[in-house]
Amino acid sequence: MEKTTTSRPIRDLMPEGFTATISEKHGVDPSYVSRVVTQEQRSSYIWPSIEDLAVLTDKKAYAERIKFLEKRDKAKQALKQAQRRAAA
């Protein structure tokens, strides 16, 4: 069963032309920007620029999405720890 969420993906919060804007600012390929946004790679060095645009577009929706991602990350981490304990 696939889990669903009501939070909007970060890509939905990006303004038109965001890949060009961020790629020019950081000197990276637009496809890299697109991949970081699509995969929501918060560890990327360009994430602060993505975050700034998302907040400008819809601060509340961005906060909801980050809350969802953090909760998901904690659940993944707990599952990994449980699997390690079970394997030991």
Protein backbone atom coordinates (compact mmCIF):
# COMPACT_ATOMS: atom_id res chain seq x y z
CA MET A 1 0.00 0.00 0.00
CA GLU A 2 1.37 3.40 -0.97
CA LYS A 3 1.37 6.13 1.65
CA THR A 4 0.07 9.52 0.65
CA THR A 5 0.59 12.94 2.11
CA THR A 6 -1.27 16.19 1.89
CA SER A 7 1.94 18.22 1.87
CA ARG A 8 2.96 19.57 -1.51
CA PRO A 9 6.30 18.44 -2.96
CA ILE A 10 8.97 21.12 -3.05
CA ARG A 11 8.84 21.06 -6.86
CA ASP A 12 5.25 22.35 -6.67
CA LEU A 13 6.48 25.36 -4.69
CA MET A 14 9.10 26.40 -7.22
CA PRO A 15 8.42 29.46 -9.40
CA GLU A 16 8.70 29.31 -13.17
CA GLY A 17 12.30 29.38 -14.36
CA PHE A 18 13.76 28.30 -11.03
CA THR A 19 16.26 25.88 -12.58
CA ALA A 20 17.89 28.65 -14.63
CA THR A 21 17.92 31.05 -11.69
CA ILE A 22 19.59 28.63 -9.28
CA SER A 23 21.94 27.08 -11.85
CA GLU A 24 23.26 30.54 -12.81
CA LYS A 25 23.69 31.53 -9.18
CA HIS A 26 25.67 28.39 -8.29
CA GLY A 27 27.29 27.62 -11.64
CA VAL A 28 25.72 24.18 -11.94
CA ASP A 29 23.81 22.40 -14.68
CA PRO A 30 20.03 22.97 -14.62
CA SER A 31 19.51 19.20 -14.59
CA TYR A 32 21.37 19.04 -11.26
CA VAL A 33 19.04 21.68 -9.81
CA SER A 34 16.02 19.77 -11.10
CA ARG A 35 17.28 16.50 -9.59
CA VAL A 36 17.95 18.10 -6.18
CA VAL A 37 14.45 19.58 -6.14
CA THR A 38 12.71 16.42 -7.36
CA GLN A 39 14.55 14.18 -4.90
CA GLU A 40 14.34 16.81 -2.15
CA GLN A 41 18.05 16.44 -1.36
CA ARG A 42 18.26 18.73 1.64
CA SER A 43 21.95 17.95 2.10
CA SER A 44 22.87 19.59 -1.23
CA TYR A 45 24.86 22.81 -1.06
CA ILE A 46 22.28 24.49 -3.32
CA TRP A 47 19.39 23.63 -0.96
CA PRO A 48 19.39 27.04 0.80
CA SER A 49 18.60 28.73 -2.55
CA ILE A 50 15.83 26.22 -3.20
CA GLU A 51 14.51 26.77 0.30
CA ASP A 52 14.49 30.55 -0.18
CA LEU A 53 12.39 30.28 -3.34
CA ALA A 54 9.98 27.80 -1.77
CA VAL A 55 9.47 30.04 1.26
CA LEU A 56 8.82 33.05 -0.98
CA THR A 57 6.25 31.06 -2.94
CA ASP A 58 4.34 29.57 0.01
CA LYS A 59 5.89 29.70 3.48
CA LYS A 60 3.17 27.59 5.12
CA ALA A 61 3.28 24.83 2.48
CA TYR A 62 7.08 24.74 2.73
CA ALA A 63 6.94 24.37 6.52
CA GLU A 64 4.40 21.53 6.19
CA ARG A 65 6.58 19.72 3.65
CA ILE A 66 9.73 20.01 5.77
CA LYS A 67 7.82 18.71 8.79
CA PHE A 68 6.67 15.72 6.71
CA LEU A 69 10.19 15.04 5.40
CA GLU A 70 11.71 15.20 8.88
CA LYS A 71 9.08 12.79 10.22
CA ARG A 72 9.74 10.42 7.30
CA ASP A 73 13.50 10.59 7.90
CA LYS A 74 13.06 9.73 11.58
CA ALA A 75 10.88 6.74 10.68
CA LYS A 76 13.47 5.48 8.18
CA GLN A 77 16.22 5.84 10.76
CA ALA A 78 14.21 3.96 13.40
CA LEU A 79 13.53 1.14 10.92
CA LYS A 80 17.25 0.82 10.09
CA GLN A 81 18.14 0.65 13.78
CA ALA A 82 15.50 -2.02 14.40
CA GLN A 83 16.80 -4.07 11.46
CA ARG A 84 20.37 -3.83 12.77
CA ARG A 85 19.29 -5.01 16.22
CA ALA A 86 17.33 -7.90 14.72
CA ALA A 87 20.32 -8.96 12.61
CA ALA A 88 22.72 -8.91 15.58
